[in-house]
């Protein structure tokens, strides 16, 4: 159930830009976070339903992150006036290396939705992935260029953390390190992945 006392927070950075860490941070701050949606749907069903279904789910959550949420930043902005948006990003070369390591040459409908049906996996389609990634970041920045109070950019590799996030969303800064999924122990990283999986299953079962 979403809270009615604070603005929704939408993380619109692509996967492999620190979205898991943002999920953990927002969860620590008491937000009910929706993570990746529609991961097990085929391309046709995913494309036909993701806009409507994601907007419905966003009404029931305090925050969202991971795919396909970044693709909906305009729709989310229109549907939820006063919402806060976070663009997580990293240098293109480092992002590409990370996404290639994570997904390899394995095709997936979510990648087809994001990068085009002819580009179902990052390996072998590197130029296309960087093109879409950079175009998305530029589009988000352009959309909010006259509303700096509504968009926060975070680069976790550059040290962004609680000091950037908490004032932006009006939350107190916790007396603990900011969660960083790529630098914590493998056990903690696994717990983050499990948390996201639980959130995904909960979303499928309960909306």
C-alpha atoms as a PDB file:
ATOM      1  CA  UNK A   1       0.000   0.000   0.000  1.00  0.00           C
ATOM      2  CA  UNK A   2       1.330   3.423  -0.923  1.00  0.00           C
ATOM      3  CA  UNK A   3       1.764   6.225   1.593  1.00  0.00           C
ATOM      4  CA  UNK A   4      -0.443   9.274   1.062  1.00  0.00           C
ATOM      5  CA  UNK A   5       1.760  11.611   3.101  1.00  0.00           C
ATOM      6  CA  UNK A   6       4.754  12.006   0.785  1.00  0.00           C
ATOM      7  CA  UNK A   7       5.551  12.373  -2.881  1.00  0.00           C
ATOM      8  CA  UNK A   8       6.160   9.299  -4.949  1.00  0.00           C
ATOM      9  CA  UNK A   9       9.740   8.632  -6.026  1.00  0.00           C
ATOM     10  CA  UNK A  10      10.450   7.266  -9.486  1.00  0.00           C
ATOM     11  CA  UNK A  11      13.939   6.029 -10.318  1.00  0.00           C
ATOM     12  CA  UNK A  12      14.213   6.389 -14.087  1.00  0.00           C
ATOM     13  CA  UNK A  13      17.815   5.331 -14.592  1.00  0.00           C
ATOM     14  CA  UNK A  14      18.437   2.222 -16.675  1.00  0.00           C
ATOM     15  CA  UNK A  15      19.341  -1.085 -15.038  1.00  0.00           C
ATOM     16  CA  UNK A  16      22.993  -1.495 -14.017  1.00  0.00           C
ATOM     17  CA  UNK A  17      23.242   2.142 -12.934  1.00  0.00           C
ATOM     18  CA  UNK A  18      22.770   1.544  -9.214  1.00  0.00           C
ATOM     19  CA  UNK A  19      19.050   0.861  -9.173  1.00  0.00           C
ATOM     20  CA  UNK A  20      19.399  -2.017  -6.713  1.00  0.00           C
ATOM     21  CA  UNK A  21      21.185   0.285  -4.281  1.00  0.00           C
ATOM     22  CA  UNK A  22      18.444   2.894  -4.698  1.00  0.00           C
ATOM     23  CA  UNK A  23      15.867   0.195  -3.999  1.00  0.00           C
ATOM     24  CA  UNK A  24      17.653  -0.758  -0.794  1.00  0.00           C
ATOM     25  CA  UNK A  25      18.032   2.872   0.264  1.00  0.00           C
ATOM     26  CA  UNK A  26      14.381   3.739  -0.312  1.00  0.00           C
ATOM     27  CA  UNK A  27      13.278   0.548   1.423  1.00  0.00           C
ATOM     28  CA  UNK A  28      15.470   1.527   4.385  1.00  0.00           C
ATOM     29  CA  UNK A  29      13.667   4.879   4.450  1.00  0.00           C
ATOM     30  CA  UNK A  30      10.296   3.145   4.643  1.00  0.00           C
ATOM     31  CA  UNK A  31       9.215   3.312   1.016  1.00  0.00           C
ATOM     32  CA  UNK A  32       7.175   0.526  -0.542  1.00  0.00           C
ATOM     33  CA  UNK A  33       9.217  -0.037  -3.710  1.00  0.00           C
ATOM     34  CA  UNK A  34       8.162  -1.728  -6.944  1.00  0.00           C
ATOM     35  CA  UNK A  35      11.062  -3.242  -8.847  1.00  0.00           C
ATOM     36  CA  UNK A  36      11.325  -4.875 -12.275  1.00  0.00           C
ATOM     37  CA  UNK A  37       7.917  -5.550 -13.832  1.00  0.00           C
ATOM     38  CA  UNK A  38       6.867  -7.990 -16.557  1.00  0.00           C
ATOM     39  CA  UNK A  39      10.165  -9.837 -16.673  1.00  0.00           C
ATOM     40  CA  UNK A  40       8.538 -13.167 -17.499  1.00  0.00           C
ATOM     41  CA  UNK A  41       6.131 -11.882 -20.136  1.00  0.00           C
ATOM     42  CA  UNK A  42       6.663 -12.476 -23.822  1.00  0.00           C
ATOM     43  CA  UNK A  43       7.435  -9.498 -26.027  1.00  0.00           C
ATOM     44  CA  UNK A  44       3.958  -9.057 -27.527  1.00  0.00           C
ATOM     45  CA  UNK A  45       2.182  -9.181 -24.176  1.00  0.00           C
ATOM     46  CA  UNK A  46       4.823  -7.025 -22.534  1.00  0.00           C
ATOM     47  CA  UNK A  47       4.582  -4.312 -25.177  1.00  0.00           C
ATOM     48  CA  UNK A  48       0.780  -4.358 -25.163  1.00  0.00           C
ATOM     49  CA  UNK A  49       0.351  -4.112 -21.397  1.00  0.00           C
ATOM     50  CA  UNK A  50       3.340  -2.489 -19.729  1.00  0.00           C
ATOM     51  CA  UNK A  51       2.186   1.140 -19.854  1.00  0.00           C
ATOM     52  CA  UNK A  52      -1.286   0.552 -18.436  1.00  0.00           C
ATOM     53  CA  UNK A  53      -0.230  -2.083 -15.918  1.00  0.00           C
ATOM     54  CA  UNK A  54       2.776  -0.144 -14.648  1.00  0.00           C
ATOM     55  CA  UNK A  55       0.713   2.987 -14.099  1.00  0.00           C
ATOM     56  CA  UNK A  56      -1.795   0.935 -12.111  1.00  0.00           C
ATOM     57  CA  UNK A  57       0.985  -0.546  -9.995  1.00  0.00           C
ATOM     58  CA  UNK A  58       2.581   2.851  -9.424  1.00  0.00           C
ATOM     59  CA  UNK A  59      -0.611   3.989  -7.694  1.00  0.00           C
ATOM     60  CA  UNK A  60      -0.082   1.258  -5.096  1.00  0.00           C
ATOM     61  CA  UNK A  61       3.625   1.872  -4.430  1.00  0.00           C
ATOM     62  CA  UNK A  62       5.654   4.703  -2.965  1.00  0.00           C
ATOM     63  CA  UNK A  63       8.562   4.283  -5.360  1.00  0.00           C
ATOM     64  CA  UNK A  64       9.706   2.317  -8.400  1.00  0.00           C
ATOM     65  CA  UNK A  65      13.007   1.296  -9.998  1.00  0.00           C
ATOM     66  CA  UNK A  66      14.463  -1.015 -12.677  1.00  0.00           C
ATOM     67  CA  UNK A  67      12.888  -1.840 -16.025  1.00  0.00           C
ATOM     68  CA  UNK A  68      10.593  -0.941 -17.673  1.00  0.00           C
ATOM     69  CA  UNK A  69       9.948   2.053 -15.401  1.00  0.00           C
ATOM     70  CA  UNK A  70      12.527   4.381 -17.016  1.00  0.00           C
ATOM     71  CA  UNK A  71      10.684   4.084 -20.327  1.00  0.00           C
ATOM     72  CA  UNK A  72       7.643   5.668 -18.679  1.00  0.00           C
ATOM     73  CA  UNK A  73       9.114   8.820 -17.185  1.00  0.00           C
ATOM     74  CA  UNK A  74       6.826  11.081 -19.220  1.00  0.00           C
ATOM     75  CA  UNK A  75       3.697   9.069 -18.414  1.00  0.00           C
ATOM     76  CA  UNK A  76       4.623   8.893 -14.728  1.00  0.00           C
ATOM     77  CA  UNK A  77       5.241  12.630 -14.611  1.00  0.00           C
ATOM     78  CA  UNK A  78       1.840  13.319 -16.134  1.00  0.00           C
ATOM     79  CA  UNK A  79      -0.019  10.810 -13.971  1.00  0.00           C
ATOM     80  CA  UNK A  80       1.562  11.798 -10.635  1.00  0.00           C
ATOM     81  CA  UNK A  81       1.983  15.574 -10.264  1.00  0.00           C
ATOM     82  CA  UNK A  82       4.513  16.453  -7.584  1.00  0.00           C
ATOM     83  CA  UNK A  83       6.438  13.197  -7.889  1.00  0.00           C
ATOM     84  CA  UNK A  84      10.212  13.150  -7.486  1.00  0.00           C
ATOM     85  CA  UNK A  85      12.402  11.595 -10.171  1.00  0.00           C
ATOM     86  CA  UNK A  86      15.877  10.126  -9.788  1.00  0.00           C
ATOM     87  CA  UNK A  87      18.151   9.560 -12.766  1.00  0.00           C
ATOM     88  CA  UNK A  88      20.856   7.110 -11.793  1.00  0.00           C
ATOM     89  CA  UNK A  89      23.686   6.991 -14.304  1.00  0.00           C
ATOM     90  CA  UNK A  90      27.295   5.978 -14.835  1.00  0.00           C
ATOM     91  CA  UNK A  91      29.825   6.506 -17.582  1.00  0.00           C
ATOM     92  CA  UNK A  92      28.690   4.786 -20.776  1.00  0.00           C
ATOM     93  CA  UNK A  93      31.725   2.535 -21.077  1.00  0.00           C
ATOM     94  CA  UNK A  94      31.363   1.240 -17.531  1.00  0.00           C
ATOM     95  CA  UNK A  95      27.619   0.813 -17.928  1.00  0.00           C
ATOM     96  CA  UNK A  96      28.066  -1.157 -21.164  1.00  0.00           C
ATOM     97  CA  UNK A  97      30.636  -3.449 -19.588  1.00  0.00           C
ATOM     98  CA  UNK A  98      28.296  -4.109 -16.674  1.00  0.00           C
ATOM     99  CA  UNK A  99      25.214  -4.838 -18.764  1.00  0.00           C
ATOM    100  CA  UNK A 100      27.197  -7.079 -21.122  1.00  0.00           C
ATOM    101  CA  UNK A 101      28.553  -9.025 -18.159  1.00  0.00           C
ATOM    102  CA  UNK A 102      25.086  -9.364 -16.649  1.00  0.00           C
ATOM    103  CA  UNK A 103      23.072 -10.312 -19.752  1.00  0.00           C
ATOM    104  CA  UNK A 104      25.712 -11.444 -22.245  1.00  0.00           C
ATOM    105  CA  UNK A 105      24.278 -12.620 -25.552  1.00  0.00           C
ATOM    106  CA  UNK A 106      21.105 -14.001 -23.978  1.00  0.00           C
ATOM    107  CA  UNK A 107      18.013 -12.498 -25.648  1.00  0.00           C
ATOM    108  CA  UNK A 108      15.145 -11.231 -23.533  1.00  0.00           C
ATOM    109  CA  UNK A 109      11.816  -9.506 -24.265  1.00  0.00           C
ATOM    110  CA  UNK A 110      12.646  -6.643 -21.893  1.00  0.00           C
ATOM    111  CA  UNK A 111      15.758  -5.848 -23.894  1.00  0.00           C
ATOM    112  CA  UNK A 112      13.740  -6.022 -27.112  1.00  0.00           C
ATOM    113  CA  UNK A 113      11.227  -3.567 -25.664  1.00  0.00           C
ATOM    114  CA  UNK A 114      13.984  -1.196 -24.605  1.00  0.00           C
ATOM    115  CA  UNK A 115      16.474  -1.409 -27.453  1.00  0.00           C
ATOM    116  CA  UNK A 116      14.378  -2.778 -30.339  1.00  0.00           C
ATOM    117  CA  UNK A 117      13.425  -6.275 -31.498  1.00  0.00           C
ATOM    118  CA  UNK A 118      16.561  -6.565 -33.610  1.00  0.00           C
ATOM    119  CA  UNK A 119      18.726  -5.959 -30.529  1.00  0.00           C
ATOM    120  CA  UNK A 120      17.581  -8.555 -27.961  1.00  0.00           C
ATOM    121  CA  UNK A 121      20.884  -8.795 -26.056  1.00  0.00           C
ATOM    122  CA  UNK A 122      23.786  -6.422 -25.377  1.00  0.00           C
ATOM    123  CA  UNK A 123      26.639  -8.599 -26.641  1.00  0.00           C
ATOM    124  CA  UNK A 124      26.791  -8.114 -30.383  1.00  0.00           C
ATOM    125  CA  UNK A 125      24.684  -4.952 -30.196  1.00  0.00           C
ATOM    126  CA  UNK A 126      26.919  -2.744 -28.094  1.00  0.00           C
ATOM    127  CA  UNK A 127      26.615   0.409 -30.204  1.00  0.00           C
ATOM    128  CA  UNK A 128      22.824   0.263 -30.153  1.00  0.00           C
ATOM    129  CA  UNK A 129      22.709  -0.192 -26.390  1.00  0.00           C
ATOM    130  CA  UNK A 130      24.962   2.793 -25.758  1.00  0.00           C
ATOM    131  CA  UNK A 131      22.954   4.872 -28.227  1.00  0.00           C
ATOM    132  CA  UNK A 132      19.660   4.133 -26.463  1.00  0.00           C
ATOM    133  CA  UNK A 133      21.184   4.542 -23.001  1.00  0.00           C
ATOM    134  CA  UNK A 134      22.650   7.946 -23.759  1.00  0.00           C
ATOM    135  CA  UNK A 135      19.532   9.108 -25.616  1.00  0.00           C
ATOM    136  CA  UNK A 136      17.367   8.144 -22.645  1.00  0.00           C
ATOM    137  CA  UNK A 137      19.509  10.069 -20.170  1.00  0.00           C
ATOM    138  CA  UNK A 138      19.486  13.105 -22.452  1.00  0.00           C
ATOM    139  CA  UNK A 139      15.702  12.905 -22.837  1.00  0.00           C
ATOM    140  CA  UNK A 140      15.148  12.784 -19.076  1.00  0.00           C
ATOM    141  CA  UNK A 141      17.409  15.791 -18.542  1.00  0.00           C
ATOM    142  CA  UNK A 142      15.665  17.739 -21.279  1.00  0.00           C
ATOM    143  CA  UNK A 143      12.226  16.902 -19.892  1.00  0.00           C
ATOM    144  CA  UNK A 144      13.095  18.325 -16.464  1.00  0.00           C
ATOM    145  CA  UNK A 145      15.449  21.112 -17.530  1.00  0.00           C
ATOM    146  CA  UNK A 146      13.074  23.809 -16.284  1.00  0.00           C
ATOM    147  CA  UNK A 147      12.143  21.897 -13.121  1.00  0.00           C
ATOM    148  CA  UNK A 148      15.410  21.224 -11.282  1.00  0.00           C
ATOM    149  CA  UNK A 149      13.607  20.563  -7.997  1.00  0.00           C
ATOM    150  CA  UNK A 150      11.862  17.530  -9.489  1.00  0.00           C
ATOM    151  CA  UNK A 151      14.912  15.650 -10.811  1.00  0.00           C
ATOM    152  CA  UNK A 152      17.923  14.355  -8.920  1.00  0.00           C
ATOM    153  CA  UNK A 153      20.870  12.851 -10.755  1.00  0.00           C
ATOM    154  CA  UNK A 154      22.869  10.263  -8.829  1.00  0.00           C
ATOM    155  CA  UNK A 155      26.134   8.621  -9.804  1.00  0.00           C
ATOM    156  CA  UNK A 156      26.898   6.150  -7.049  1.00  0.00           C
ATOM    157  CA  UNK A 157      30.373   5.478  -8.408  1.00  0.00           C
ATOM    158  CA  UNK A 158      31.144   9.157  -7.796  1.00  0.00           C
ATOM    159  CA  UNK A 159      30.061   8.856  -4.181  1.00  0.00           C
ATOM    160  CA  UNK A 160      26.466  10.076  -4.299  1.00  0.00           C
ATOM    161  CA  UNK A 161      24.431   8.674  -1.422  1.00  0.00           C
ATOM    162  CA  UNK A 162      22.316   9.724   1.540  1.00  0.00           C
ATOM    163  CA  UNK A 163      23.496  13.359   1.408  1.00  0.00           C
ATOM    164  CA  UNK A 164      22.064  13.716  -2.091  1.00  0.00           C
ATOM    165  CA  UNK A 165      18.993  11.503  -1.772  1.00  0.00           C
ATOM    166  CA  UNK A 166      17.515  12.419   1.592  1.00  0.00           C
ATOM    167  CA  UNK A 167      17.218  16.217   1.220  1.00  0.00           C
ATOM    168  CA  UNK A 168      15.731  15.699  -2.242  1.00  0.00           C
ATOM    169  CA  UNK A 169      12.879  13.549  -0.947  1.00  0.00           C
ATOM    170  CA  UNK A 170      12.602  15.212   2.454  1.00  0.00           C
ATOM    171  CA  UNK A 171      13.821  12.263   4.513  1.00  0.00           C
ATOM    172  CA  UNK A 172      16.203  12.212   7.498  1.00  0.00           C
ATOM    173  CA  UNK A 173      19.688  10.892   6.809  1.00  0.00           C
ATOM    174  CA  UNK A 174      20.204   7.456   8.434  1.00  0.00           C
ATOM    175  CA  UNK A 175      23.228   6.955  10.647  1.00  0.00           C
ATOM    176  CA  UNK A 176      24.600   4.138   8.516  1.00  0.00           C
ATOM    177  CA  UNK A 177      26.434   3.704   5.218  1.00  0.00           C
ATOM    178  CA  UNK A 178      24.502   4.098   1.998  1.00  0.00           C
ATOM    179  CA  UNK A 179      23.813   0.639   0.496  1.00  0.00           C
ATOM    180  CA  UNK A 180      26.014  -0.069  -2.515  1.00  0.00           C
ATOM    181  CA  UNK A 181      25.137  -3.361  -4.174  1.00  0.00           C
ATOM    182  CA  UNK A 182      28.306  -3.554  -6.267  1.00  0.00           C
ATOM    183  CA  UNK A 183      30.678  -3.169  -3.336  1.00  0.00           C
ATOM    184  CA  UNK A 184      29.039  -5.076  -0.510  1.00  0.00           C
ATOM    185  CA  UNK A 185      29.802  -8.690   0.282  1.00  0.00           C
ATOM    186  CA  UNK A 186      28.426 -11.392  -1.961  1.00  0.00           C
ATOM    187  CA  UNK A 187      26.079 -12.406   0.829  1.00  0.00           C
ATOM    188  CA  UNK A 188      24.615  -8.901   1.034  1.00  0.00           C
ATOM    189  CA  UNK A 189      24.419  -8.683  -2.750  1.00  0.00           C
ATOM    190  CA  UNK A 190      22.444 -11.918  -2.762  1.00  0.00           C
ATOM    191  CA  UNK A 191      20.084 -10.518  -0.148  1.00  0.00           C
ATOM    192  CA  UNK A 192      19.432  -7.501  -2.347  1.00  0.00           C
ATOM    193  CA  UNK A 193      18.647  -9.753  -5.304  1.00  0.00           C
ATOM    194  CA  UNK A 194      16.331 -11.823  -3.118  1.00  0.00           C
ATOM    195  CA  UNK A 195      14.604  -8.662  -1.917  1.00  0.00           C
ATOM    196  CA  UNK A 196      13.981  -7.564  -5.499  1.00  0.00           C
ATOM    197  CA  UNK A 197      12.692 -11.025  -6.398  1.00  0.00           C
ATOM    198  CA  UNK A 198      10.270 -10.958  -3.455  1.00  0.00           C
ATOM    199  CA  UNK A 199       9.050  -7.522  -4.515  1.00  0.00           C
ATOM    200  CA  UNK A 200       8.551  -8.784  -8.068  1.00  0.00           C
ATOM    201  CA  UNK A 201       6.531 -11.803  -6.933  1.00  0.00           C
ATOM    202  CA  UNK A 202       4.475  -9.668  -4.557  1.00  0.00           C
ATOM    203  CA  UNK A 203       3.693  -7.309  -7.397  1.00  0.00           C
ATOM    204  CA  UNK A 204       2.507 -10.172  -9.595  1.00  0.00           C
ATOM    205  CA  UNK A 205       0.333 -11.639  -6.860  1.00  0.00           C
ATOM    206  CA  UNK A 206      -1.143  -8.545  -5.272  1.00  0.00           C
ATOM    207  CA  UNK A 207      -0.625  -5.736  -7.802  1.00  0.00           C
END
